C-alpha atoms as a PDB file:
ATOM      1  CA  MET A   1       0.446  25.908  13.960  1.00  0.00           C
ATOM      2  CA  SER A   2      -2.583  24.336  14.212  1.00  0.00           C
ATOM      3  CA  GLU A   3      -3.996  23.051  17.336  1.00  0.00           C
ATOM      4  CA  GLU A   4      -5.128  19.526  16.058  1.00  0.00           C
ATOM      5  CA  ARG A   5      -0.893  19.249  14.999  1.00  0.00           C
ATOM      6  CA  ARG A   6       0.343  20.542  18.045  1.00  0.00           C
ATOM      7  CA  ASN A   7      -1.525  17.629  19.718  1.00  0.00           C
ATOM      8  CA  GLN A   8      -0.382  15.089  17.411  1.00  0.00           C
ATOM      9  CA  ARG A   9       3.437  16.354  18.176  1.00  0.00           C
ATOM     10  CA  GLU A  10       2.559  16.083  22.052  1.00  0.00           C
ATOM     11  CA  GLU A  11       1.081  12.996  22.065  1.00  0.00           C
ATOM     12  CA  LYS A  12       3.658  11.333  20.091  1.00  0.00           C
ATOM     13  CA  LYS A  13       6.660  12.953  22.765  1.00  0.00           C
ATOM     14  CA  LYS A  14       4.281  10.710  25.282  1.00  0.00           C
ATOM     15  CA  ARG A  15       5.154   7.108  23.229  1.00  0.00           C
ATOM     16  CA  ARG A  16       7.943   5.033  25.206  1.00  0.00           C
ATOM     17  CA  CYS A  17       8.861   1.250  25.089  1.00  0.00           C
ATOM     18  CA  ARG A  18       7.526  -0.545  27.752  1.00  0.00           C
ATOM     19  CA  ILE A  19      10.790  -2.410  28.188  1.00  0.00           C
ATOM     20  CA  CYS A  20      13.741   0.246  27.338  1.00  0.00           C
ATOM     21  CA  GLY A  21      11.920   3.297  27.380  1.00  0.00           C
ATOM     22  CA  THR A  22      13.003   4.360  24.024  1.00  0.00           C
ATOM     23  CA  ARG A  23      11.127   6.789  22.120  1.00  0.00           C
ATOM     24  CA  LYS A  24      11.804   5.463  18.218  1.00  0.00           C
ATOM     25  CA  ALA A  25      10.315   2.930  16.043  1.00  0.00           C
ATOM     26  CA  VAL A  26       7.375   2.184  18.760  1.00  0.00           C
ATOM     27  CA  ILE A  27       4.782  -0.160  17.802  1.00  0.00           C
ATOM     28  CA  ARG A  28       1.451   0.656  18.819  1.00  0.00           C
ATOM     29  CA  LYS A  29      -0.922  -1.791  16.974  1.00  0.00           C
ATOM     30  CA  TYR A  30      -2.491  -3.984  19.272  1.00  0.00           C
ATOM     31  CA  ASN A  31      -1.530  -1.709  21.949  1.00  0.00           C
ATOM     32  CA  LEU A  32       2.211  -3.483  22.094  1.00  0.00           C
ATOM     33  CA  GLN A  33       3.814  -0.003  23.035  1.00  0.00           C
ATOM     34  CA  VAL A  34       6.948  -1.964  22.394  1.00  0.00           C
ATOM     35  CA  CYS A  35      10.135  -0.502  20.048  1.00  0.00           C
ATOM     36  CA  ARG A  36      11.273  -2.831  17.351  1.00  0.00           C
ATOM     37  CA  ARG A  37      14.068  -4.076  19.003  1.00  0.00           C
ATOM     38  CA  CYS A  38      12.739  -5.223  22.203  1.00  0.00           C
ATOM     39  CA  PHE A  39       9.507  -6.577  19.748  1.00  0.00           C
ATOM     40  CA  LYS A  40      12.262  -9.070  18.033  1.00  0.00           C
ATOM     41  CA  GLU A  41      13.249 -10.179  21.348  1.00  0.00           C
ATOM     42  CA  VAL A  42       9.740 -10.670  23.287  1.00  0.00           C
ATOM     43  CA  ALA A  43       7.571 -11.234  19.979  1.00  0.00           C
ATOM     44  CA  GLU A  44       7.339 -15.368  20.442  1.00  0.00           C
ATOM     45  CA  LEU A  45       6.701 -15.272  24.082  1.00  0.00           C
ATOM     46  CA  LEU A  46       3.714 -12.861  22.959  1.00  0.00           C
ATOM     47  CA  GLY A  47       2.444 -15.188  20.347  1.00  0.00           C
ATOM     48  CA  PHE A  48       3.687 -13.631  17.241  1.00  0.00           C
ATOM     49  CA  LYS A  49       5.212 -16.449  14.941  1.00  0.00           C
ATOM     50  CA  LYS A  50       8.359 -15.511  12.175  1.00  0.00           C
ATOM     51  CA  PHE A  51       7.045 -16.727   8.431  1.00  0.00           C
ATOM     52  CA  ASP A  52      10.286 -17.487   6.364  1.00  0.00           C
END
């Protein structure tokens, strides 16, 4: 395994949701670091609007 691939795996292991601590489905865009389940709860507080 290449060194670059190994670094990507290590980086993925470090990613955690700030709220609940899960490692699954973490949204990193805009440096949120929140899983999709927690994001759904706090999106409006962060200034995101839901479009129908």
